[in-house]
Amino acid sequence: GGIGTYEGPILGAVLFFTIETLFGATGVTYLIGL
């Protein structure tokens, strides 16, 4: 999202949540992708 910015972590949380929702069920592949 952007370390040292206020908006960055909020954007990063939304992005991470979206990735987890779409690809979280893929298991190890999902963690490697992160």
Full PDB file with SEQRES, HELIX, SHEET, SSBOND, CRYST1, ORIGX, SCALE, CONECT and MASTER records, all heavy atoms in Angstrom:
SEQRES   1 A   34  GLY GLY ILE GLY THR TYR GLU GLY PRO ILE LEU GLY ALA          
SEQRES   2 A   34  VAL LEU PHE PHE THR ILE GLU THR LEU PHE GLY ALA THR          
SEQRES   3 A   34  GLY VAL THR TYR LEU ILE GLY LEU                              
HELIX    1 AA1 GLU A    7  PHE A   23  1                                  17    
HELIX    2 AA2 GLY A   24  THR A   26  5                                   3    
HELIX    3 AA3 VAL A   28  GLY A   33  1                                   6    
CRYST1    1.000    1.000    1.000  90.00  90.00  90.00 P 1           1          
ORIGX1      1.000000  0.000000  0.000000        0.00000                         
ORIGX2      0.000000  1.000000  0.000000        0.00000                         
ORIGX3      0.000000  0.000000  1.000000        0.00000                         
SCALE1      1.000000  0.000000  0.000000        0.00000                         
SCALE2      0.000000  1.000000  0.000000        0.00000                         
SCALE3      0.000000  0.000000  1.000000        0.00000                         
ATOM      1  N   GLY A   1       0.806  -1.219   0.000  1.00  0.00           N  
ATOM      2  CA  GLY A   1       0.000   0.000   0.000  1.00  0.00           C  
ATOM      3  C   GLY A   1       0.838   1.267   0.000  1.00  0.00           C  
ATOM      4  O   GLY A   1       0.527   2.228  -0.687  1.00  0.00           O  
ATOM      5  N   GLY A   2       1.905   1.259   0.808  1.00  0.00           N  
ATOM      6  CA  GLY A   2       2.757   2.451   0.896  1.00  0.00           C  
ATOM      7  C   GLY A   2       3.141   2.739   2.334  1.00  0.00           C  
ATOM      8  O   GLY A   2       2.374   3.376   3.063  1.00  0.00           O  
ATOM      9  N   ILE A   3       4.312   2.243   2.746  1.00  0.00           N  
ATOM     10  CA  ILE A   3       4.764   2.442   4.120  1.00  0.00           C  
ATOM     11  C   ILE A   3       5.062   3.910   4.371  1.00  0.00           C  
ATOM     12  O   ILE A   3       5.580   4.617   3.509  1.00  0.00           O  
ATOM     13  CB  ILE A   3       6.004   1.561   4.404  1.00  0.00           C  
ATOM     14  CG1 ILE A   3       6.376   1.611   5.892  1.00  0.00           C  
ATOM     15  CG2 ILE A   3       7.185   1.978   3.545  1.00  0.00           C  
ATOM     16  CD1 ILE A   3       7.412   0.589   6.294  1.00  0.00           C  
ATOM     17  N   GLY A   4       4.698   4.378   5.541  1.00  0.00           N  
ATOM     18  CA  GLY A   4       4.940   5.772   5.883  1.00  0.00           C  
ATOM     19  C   GLY A   4       3.915   6.736   5.328  1.00  0.00           C  
ATOM     20  O   GLY A   4       4.102   7.943   5.421  1.00  0.00           O  
ATOM     21  N   THR A   5       2.839   6.223   4.751  1.00  0.00           N  
ATOM     22  CA  THR A   5       1.714   7.068   4.334  1.00  0.00           C  
ATOM     23  C   THR A   5       0.487   6.637   5.129  1.00  0.00           C  
ATOM     24  O   THR A   5       0.425   5.514   5.624  1.00  0.00           O  
ATOM     25  CB  THR A   5       1.416   6.924   2.832  1.00  0.00           C  
ATOM     26  OG1 THR A   5       0.950   5.586   2.564  1.00  0.00           O  
ATOM     27  CG2 THR A   5       2.666   7.182   2.008  1.00  0.00           C  
ATOM     28  N   TYR A   6      -0.465   7.522   5.248  1.00  0.00           N  
ATOM     29  CA  TYR A   6      -1.675   7.151   5.992  1.00  0.00           C  
ATOM     30  C   TYR A   6      -2.635   6.354   5.115  1.00  0.00           C  
ATOM     31  O   TYR A   6      -3.237   5.380   5.550  1.00  0.00           O  
ATOM     32  CB  TYR A   6      -2.378   8.402   6.526  1.00  0.00           C  
ATOM     33  CG  TYR A   6      -3.557   8.071   7.409  1.00  0.00           C  
ATOM     34  CD1 TYR A   6      -3.369   7.768   8.749  1.00  0.00           C  
ATOM     35  CD2 TYR A   6      -4.854   8.049   6.908  1.00  0.00           C  
ATOM     36  CE1 TYR A   6      -4.446   7.444   9.571  1.00  0.00           C  
ATOM     37  CE2 TYR A   6      -5.932   7.730   7.710  1.00  0.00           C  
ATOM     38  CZ  TYR A   6      -5.721   7.431   9.051  1.00  0.00           C  
ATOM     39  OH  TYR A   6      -6.797   7.096   9.846  1.00  0.00           O  
ATOM     40  N   GLU A   7      -2.756   6.761   3.865  1.00  0.00           N  
ATOM     41  CA  GLU A   7      -3.698   6.094   2.970  1.00  0.00           C  
ATOM     42  C   GLU A   7      -3.203   4.710   2.537  1.00  0.00           C  
ATOM     43  O   GLU A   7      -4.006   3.810   2.253  1.00  0.00           O  
ATOM     44  CB  GLU A   7      -3.916   6.939   1.712  1.00  0.00           C  
ATOM     45  CG  GLU A   7      -4.489   8.331   1.972  1.00  0.00           C  
ATOM     46  CD  GLU A   7      -3.413   9.378   2.168  1.00  0.00           C  
ATOM     47  OE1 GLU A   7      -2.265   8.999   2.481  1.00  0.00           O  
ATOM     48  OE2 GLU A   7      -3.711  10.574   2.024  1.00  0.00           O  
ATOM     49  N   GLY A   8      -1.873   4.526   2.488  1.00  0.00           N  
ATOM     50  CA  GLY A   8      -1.295   3.293   1.969  1.00  0.00           C  
ATOM     51  C   GLY A   8      -1.754   2.029   2.660  1.00  0.00           C  
ATOM     52  O   GLY A   8      -2.192   1.074   1.999  1.00  0.00           O  
ATOM     53  N   PRO A   9      -1.676   1.935   3.992  1.00  0.00           N  
ATOM     54  CA  PRO A   9      -2.124   0.720   4.670  1.00  0.00           C  
ATOM     55  C   PRO A   9      -3.600   0.403   4.434  1.00  0.00           C  
ATOM     56  O   PRO A   9      -3.977  -0.775   4.361  1.00  0.00           O  
ATOM     57  CB  PRO A   9      -1.856   1.023   6.140  1.00  0.00           C  
ATOM     58  CG  PRO A   9      -0.779   2.038   6.123  1.00  0.00           C  
ATOM     59  CD  PRO A   9      -1.028   2.877   4.915  1.00  0.00           C  
ATOM     60  N   ILE A  10      -4.428   1.420   4.315  1.00  0.00           N  
ATOM     61  CA  ILE A  10      -5.849   1.193   4.044  1.00  0.00           C  
ATOM     62  C   ILE A  10      -6.007   0.570   2.664  1.00  0.00           C  
ATOM     63  O   ILE A  10      -6.732  -0.422   2.484  1.00  0.00           O  
ATOM     64  CB  ILE A  10      -6.632   2.514   4.135  1.00  0.00           C  
ATOM     65  CG1 ILE A  10      -6.488   3.121   5.538  1.00  0.00           C  
ATOM     66  CG2 ILE A  10      -8.103   2.291   3.790  1.00  0.00           C  
ATOM     67  CD1 ILE A  10      -7.059   4.517   5.666  1.00  0.00           C  
ATOM     68  N   LEU A  11      -5.310   1.131   1.684  1.00  0.00           N  
ATOM     69  CA  LEU A  11      -5.334   0.578   0.338  1.00  0.00           C  
ATOM     70  C   LEU A  11      -4.750  -0.832   0.329  1.00  0.00           C  
ATOM     71  O   LEU A  11      -5.283  -1.740  -0.325  1.00  0.00           O  
ATOM     72  CB  LEU A  11      -4.536   1.485  -0.602  1.00  0.00           C  
ATOM     73  CG  LEU A  11      -4.407   1.037  -2.069  1.00  0.00           C  
ATOM     74  CD1 LEU A  11      -5.779   0.915  -2.710  1.00  0.00           C  
ATOM     75  CD2 LEU A  11      -3.521   2.007  -2.836  1.00  0.00           C  
ATOM     76  N   GLY A  12      -3.653  -1.040   1.063  1.00  0.00           N  
ATOM     77  CA  GLY A  12      -3.042  -2.362   1.132  1.00  0.00           C  
ATOM     78  C   GLY A  12      -3.953  -3.394   1.763  1.00  0.00           C  
ATOM     79  O   GLY A  12      -3.982  -4.555   1.324  1.00  0.00           O  
ATOM     80  N   ALA A  13      -4.697  -3.003   2.791  1.00  0.00           N  
ATOM     81  CA  ALA A  13      -5.628  -3.931   3.434  1.00  0.00           C  
ATOM     82  C   ALA A  13      -6.734  -4.347   2.470  1.00  0.00           C  
ATOM     83  O   ALA A  13      -7.116  -5.533   2.406  1.00  0.00           O  
ATOM     84  CB  ALA A  13      -6.228  -3.294   4.687  1.00  0.00           C  
ATOM     85  N   VAL A  14      -7.261  -3.388   1.717  1.00  0.00           N  
ATOM     86  CA  VAL A  14      -8.309  -3.706   0.738  1.00  0.00           C  
ATOM     87  C   VAL A  14      -7.755  -4.620  -0.352  1.00  0.00           C  
ATOM     88  O   VAL A  14      -8.412  -5.597  -0.760  1.00  0.00           O  
ATOM     89  CB  VAL A  14      -8.879  -2.405   0.128  1.00  0.00           C  
ATOM     90  CG1 VAL A  14      -9.840  -2.725  -1.017  1.00  0.00           C  
ATOM     91  CG2 VAL A  14      -9.581  -1.574   1.199  1.00  0.00           C  
ATOM     92  N   LEU A  15      -6.542  -4.338  -0.813  1.00  0.00           N  
ATOM     93  CA  LEU A  15      -5.928  -5.155  -1.858  1.00  0.00           C  
ATOM     94  C   LEU A  15      -5.667  -6.572  -1.346  1.00  0.00           C  
ATOM     95  O   LEU A  15      -5.954  -7.557  -2.036  1.00  0.00           O  
ATOM     96  CB  LEU A  15      -4.629  -4.505  -2.330  1.00  0.00           C  
ATOM     97  CG  LEU A  15      -3.863  -5.236  -3.434  1.00  0.00           C  
ATOM     98  CD1 LEU A  15      -4.713  -5.345  -4.684  1.00  0.00           C  
ATOM     99  CD2 LEU A  15      -2.550  -4.524  -3.737  1.00  0.00           C  
ATOM    100  N   PHE A  16      -5.112  -6.696  -0.153  1.00  0.00           N  
ATOM    101  CA  PHE A  16      -4.837  -8.008   0.416  1.00  0.00           C  
ATOM    102  C   PHE A  16      -6.128  -8.796   0.619  1.00  0.00           C  
ATOM    103  O   PHE A  16      -6.198  -9.996   0.331  1.00  0.00           O  
ATOM    104  CB  PHE A  16      -4.099  -7.853   1.743  1.00  0.00           C  
ATOM    105  CG  PHE A  16      -3.920  -9.146   2.485  1.00  0.00           C  
ATOM    106  CD1 PHE A  16      -3.025 -10.103   2.027  1.00  0.00           C  
ATOM    107  CD2 PHE A  16      -4.640  -9.416   3.629  1.00  0.00           C  
ATOM    108  CE1 PHE A  16      -2.859 -11.302   2.698  1.00  0.00           C  
ATOM    109  CE2 PHE A  16      -4.484 -10.608   4.307  1.00  0.00           C  
ATOM    110  CZ  PHE A  16      -3.583 -11.557   3.843  1.00  0.00           C  
ATOM    111  N   PHE A  17      -7.151  -8.121   1.119  1.00  0.00           N  
ATOM    112  CA  PHE A  17      -8.453  -8.762   1.330  1.00  0.00           C  
ATOM    113  C   PHE A  17      -9.015  -9.269   0.005  1.00  0.00           C  
ATOM    114  O   PHE A  17      -9.558 -10.379  -0.068  1.00  0.00           O  
ATOM    115  CB  PHE A  17      -9.407  -7.745   1.964  1.00  0.00           C  
ATOM    116  CG  PHE A  17     -10.838  -8.204   2.041  1.00  0.00           C  
ATOM    117  CD1 PHE A  17     -11.248  -9.086   3.012  1.00  0.00           C  
ATOM    118  CD2 PHE A  17     -11.772  -7.726   1.138  1.00  0.00           C  
ATOM    119  CE1 PHE A  17     -12.570  -9.503   3.094  1.00  0.00           C  
ATOM    120  CE2 PHE A  17     -13.092  -8.130   1.203  1.00  0.00           C  
ATOM    121  CZ  PHE A  17     -13.492  -9.022   2.190  1.00  0.00           C  
ATOM    122  N   THR A  18      -8.878  -8.480  -1.048  1.00  0.00           N  
ATOM    123  CA  THR A  18      -9.379  -8.890  -2.363  1.00  0.00           C  
ATOM    124  C   THR A  18      -8.620 -10.106  -2.888  1.00  0.00           C  
ATOM    125  O   THR A  18      -9.221 -11.063  -3.400  1.00  0.00           O  
ATOM    126  CB  THR A  18      -9.252  -7.719  -3.363  1.00  0.00           C  
ATOM    127  OG1 THR A  18      -9.963  -6.583  -2.855  1.00  0.00           O  
ATOM    128  CG2 THR A  18      -9.829  -8.103  -4.713  1.00  0.00           C  
ATOM    129  N   ILE A  19      -7.294 -10.076  -2.751  1.00  0.00           N  
ATOM    130  CA  ILE A  19      -6.478 -11.204  -3.210  1.00  0.00           C  
ATOM    131  C   ILE A  19      -6.826 -12.466  -2.438  1.00  0.00           C  
ATOM    132  O   ILE A  19      -6.958 -13.554  -3.015  1.00  0.00           O  
ATOM    133  CB  ILE A  19      -4.984 -10.871  -3.060  1.00  0.00           C  
ATOM    134  CG1 ILE A  19      -4.592  -9.740  -4.008  1.00  0.00           C  
ATOM    135  CG2 ILE A  19      -4.118 -12.099  -3.331  1.00  0.00           C  
ATOM    136  CD1 ILE A  19      -3.181  -9.231  -3.809  1.00  0.00           C  
ATOM    137  N   GLU A  20      -6.979 -12.330  -1.121  1.00  0.00           N  
ATOM    138  CA  GLU A  20      -7.324 -13.492  -0.299  1.00  0.00           C  
ATOM    139  C   GLU A  20      -8.685 -14.049  -0.679  1.00  0.00           C  
ATOM    140  O   GLU A  20      -8.881 -15.268  -0.750  1.00  0.00           O  
ATOM    141  CB  GLU A  20      -7.318 -13.110   1.178  1.00  0.00           C  
ATOM    142  CG  GLU A  20      -7.591 -14.290   2.106  1.00  0.00           C  
ATOM    143  CD  GLU A  20      -7.835 -13.847   3.518  1.00  0.00           C  
ATOM    144  OE1 GLU A  20      -8.749 -13.020   3.734  1.00  0.00           O  
ATOM    145  OE2 GLU A  20      -7.123 -14.332   4.409  1.00  0.00           O  
ATOM    146  N   THR A  21      -9.643 -13.176  -0.944  1.00  0.00           N  
ATOM    147  CA  THR A  21     -10.984 -13.622  -1.310  1.00  0.00           C  
ATOM    148  C   THR A  21     -10.966 -14.383  -2.633  1.00  0.00           C  
ATOM    149  O   THR A  21     -11.649 -15.399  -2.790  1.00  0.00           O  
ATOM    150  CB  THR A  21     -11.931 -12.411  -1.414  1.00  0.00           C  
ATOM    151  OG1 THR A  21     -11.975 -11.734  -0.145  1.00  0.00           O  
ATOM    152  CG2 THR A  21     -13.334 -12.858  -1.794  1.00  0.00           C  
ATOM    153  N   LEU A  22     -10.161 -13.910  -3.578  1.00  0.00           N  
ATOM    154  CA  LEU A  22     -10.137 -14.526  -4.909  1.00  0.00           C  
ATOM    155  C   LEU A  22      -9.258 -15.770  -4.968  1.00  0.00           C  
ATOM    156  O   LEU A  22      -9.599 -16.739  -5.659  1.00  0.00           O  
ATOM    157  CB  LEU A  22      -9.657 -13.504  -5.943  1.00  0.00           C  
ATOM    158  CG  LEU A  22     -10.551 -12.279  -6.157  1.00  0.00           C  
ATOM    159  CD1 LEU A  22      -9.905 -11.312  -7.126  1.00  0.00           C  
ATOM    160  CD2 LEU A  22     -11.931 -12.696  -6.661  1.00  0.00           C  
ATOM    161  N   PHE A  23      -8.132 -15.753  -4.239  1.00  0.00           N  
ATOM    162  CA  PHE A  23      -7.143 -16.821  -4.417  1.00  0.00           C  
ATOM    163  C   PHE A  23      -6.788 -17.565  -3.130  1.00  0.00           C  
ATOM    164  O   PHE A  23      -5.924 -18.444  -3.157  1.00  0.00           O  
ATOM    165  CB  PHE A  23      -5.849 -16.237  -5.013  1.00  0.00           C  
ATOM    166  CG  PHE A  23      -6.063 -15.475  -6.291  1.00  0.00           C  
ATOM    167  CD1 PHE A  23      -5.969 -14.095  -6.327  1.00  0.00           C  
ATOM    168  CD2 PHE A  23      -6.373 -16.143  -7.468  1.00  0.00           C  
ATOM    169  CE1 PHE A  23      -6.156 -13.385  -7.491  1.00  0.00           C  
ATOM    170  CE2 PHE A  23      -6.581 -15.448  -8.652  1.00  0.00           C  
ATOM    171  CZ  PHE A  23      -6.467 -14.065  -8.666  1.00  0.00           C  
ATOM    172  N   GLY A  24      -7.427 -17.214  -2.014  1.00  0.00           N  
ATOM    173  CA  GLY A  24      -7.075 -17.828  -0.744  1.00  0.00           C  
ATOM    174  C   GLY A  24      -7.249 -19.333  -0.717  1.00  0.00           C  
ATOM    175  O   GLY A  24      -6.544 -20.047   0.007  1.00  0.00           O  
ATOM    176  N   ALA A  25      -8.174 -19.854  -1.503  1.00  0.00           N  
ATOM    177  CA  ALA A  25      -8.446 -21.291  -1.492  1.00  0.00           C  
ATOM    178  C   ALA A  25      -7.384 -22.100  -2.222  1.00  0.00           C  
ATOM    179  O   ALA A  25      -7.405 -23.335  -2.185  1.00  0.00           O  
ATOM    180  CB  ALA A  25      -9.822 -21.570  -2.119  1.00  0.00           C  
ATOM    181  N   THR A  26      -6.430 -21.440  -2.874  1.00  0.00           N  
ATOM    182  CA  THR A  26      -5.410 -22.181  -3.636  1.00  0.00           C  
ATOM    183  C   THR A  26      -4.271 -22.684  -2.761  1.00  0.00           C  
ATOM    184  O   THR A  26      -3.357 -23.344  -3.257  1.00  0.00           O  
ATOM    185  CB  THR A  26      -4.830 -21.291  -4.751  1.00  0.00           C  
ATOM    186  OG1 THR A  26      -4.228 -20.127  -4.161  1.00  0.00           O  
ATOM    187  CG2 THR A  26      -5.914 -20.861  -5.717  1.00  0.00           C  
ATOM    188  N   GLY A  27      -4.296 -22.360  -1.464  1.00  0.00           N  
ATOM    189  CA  GLY A  27      -3.332 -22.914  -0.533  1.00  0.00           C  
ATOM    190  C   GLY A  27      -1.936 -22.358  -0.683  1.00  0.00           C  
ATOM    191  O   GLY A  27      -1.710 -21.143  -0.659  1.00  0.00           O  
ATOM    192  N   VAL A  28      -0.968 -23.256  -0.866  1.00  0.00           N  
ATOM    193  CA  VAL A  28       0.445 -22.861  -0.909  1.00  0.00           C  
ATOM    194  C   VAL A  28       0.716 -21.893  -2.055  1.00  0.00           C  
ATOM    195  O   VAL A  28       1.505 -20.953  -1.923  1.00  0.00           O  
ATOM    196  CB  VAL A  28       1.342 -24.109  -1.039  1.00  0.00           C  
ATOM    197  CG1 VAL A  28       2.805 -23.695  -1.162  1.00  0.00           C  
ATOM    198  CG2 VAL A  28       1.144 -25.029   0.156  1.00  0.00           C  
ATOM    199  N   THR A  29       0.056 -22.085  -3.177  1.00  0.00           N  
ATOM    200  CA  THR A  29       0.247 -21.197  -4.328  1.00  0.00           C  
ATOM    201  C   THR A  29      -0.092 -19.760  -3.961  1.00  0.00           C  
ATOM    202  O   THR A  29       0.597 -18.808  -4.375  1.00  0.00           O  
ATOM    203  CB  THR A  29      -0.619 -21.658  -5.501  1.00  0.00           C  
ATOM    204  OG1 THR A  29      -0.317 -23.014  -5.807  1.00  0.00           O  
ATOM    205  CG2 THR A  29      -0.388 -20.793  -6.724  1.00  0.00           C  
ATOM    206  N   TYR A  30      -1.126 -19.589  -3.178  1.00  0.00           N  
ATOM    207  CA  TYR A  30      -1.552 -18.261  -2.737  1.00  0.00           C  
ATOM    208  C   TYR A  30      -0.459 -17.602  -1.890  1.00  0.00           C  
ATOM    209  O   TYR A  30      -0.116 -16.428  -2.086  1.00  0.00           O  
ATOM    210  CB  TYR A  30      -2.850 -18.403  -1.949  1.00  0.00           C  
ATOM    211  CG  TYR A  30      -3.162 -17.299  -0.983  1.00  0.00           C  
ATOM    212  CD1 TYR A  30      -3.518 -16.040  -1.433  1.00  0.00           C  
ATOM    213  CD2 TYR A  30      -3.121 -17.526   0.396  1.00  0.00           C  
ATOM    214  CE1 TYR A  30      -3.820 -15.021  -0.533  1.00  0.00           C  
ATOM    215  CE2 TYR A  30      -3.424 -16.531   1.297  1.00  0.00           C  
ATOM    216  CZ  TYR A  30      -3.768 -15.287   0.830  1.00  0.00           C  
ATOM    217  OH  TYR A  30      -4.058 -14.287   1.722  1.00  0.00           O  
ATOM    218  N   LEU A  31       0.147 -18.351  -0.961  1.00  0.00           N  
ATOM    219  CA  LEU A  31       1.194 -17.806  -0.101  1.00  0.00           C  
ATOM    220  C   LEU A  31       2.447 -17.460  -0.905  1.00  0.00           C  
ATOM    221  O   LEU A  31       3.088 -16.430  -0.671  1.00  0.00           O  
ATOM    222  CB  LEU A  31       1.534 -18.809   1.004  1.00  0.00           C  
ATOM    223  CG  LEU A  31       0.394 -19.116   1.989  1.00  0.00           C  
ATOM    224  CD1 LEU A  31       0.832 -20.188   2.976  1.00  0.00           C  
ATOM    225  CD2 LEU A  31      -0.034 -17.854   2.732  1.00  0.00           C  
ATOM    226  N   ILE A  32       2.784 -18.324  -1.861  1.00  0.00           N  
ATOM    227  CA  ILE A  32       3.940 -18.037  -2.721  1.00  0.00           C  
ATOM    228  C   ILE A  32       3.695 -16.767  -3.526  1.00  0.00           C  
ATOM    229  O   ILE A  32       4.585 -15.924  -3.691  1.00  0.00           O  
ATOM    230  CB  ILE A  32       4.222 -19.229  -3.651  1.00  0.00           C  
ATOM    231  CG1 ILE A  32       4.675 -20.446  -2.831  1.00  0.00           C  
ATOM    232  CG2 ILE A  32       5.277 -18.872  -4.697  1.00  0.00           C  
ATOM    233  CD1 ILE A  32       4.832 -21.705  -3.637  1.00  0.00           C  
ATOM    234  N   GLY A  33       2.474 -16.618  -4.020  1.00  0.00           N  
ATOM    235  CA  GLY A  33       2.123 -15.425  -4.784  1.00  0.00           C  
ATOM    236  C   GLY A  33       2.224 -14.160  -3.949  1.00  0.00           C  
ATOM    237  O   GLY A  33       2.711 -13.128  -4.428  1.00  0.00           O  
ATOM    238  N   LEU A  34       1.803 -14.233  -2.673  1.00  0.00           N  
ATOM    239  CA  LEU A  34       1.925 -13.077  -1.798  1.00  0.00           C  
ATOM    240  C   LEU A  34       3.391 -12.701  -1.592  1.00  0.00           C  
ATOM    241  O   LEU A  34       3.759 -11.520  -1.656  1.00  0.00           O  
ATOM    242  CB  LEU A  34       1.275 -13.375  -0.438  1.00  0.00           C  
ATOM    243  CG  LEU A  34      -0.252 -13.365  -0.357  1.00  0.00           C  
ATOM    244  CD1 LEU A  34      -0.691 -13.660   1.065  1.00  0.00           C  
ATOM    245  CD2 LEU A  34      -0.823 -12.030  -0.809  1.00  0.00           C  
TER     246      LEU A  34                                                      
MASTER        0    0    0    3    0    0    0    6  245    1    0    3          
END                                                                             
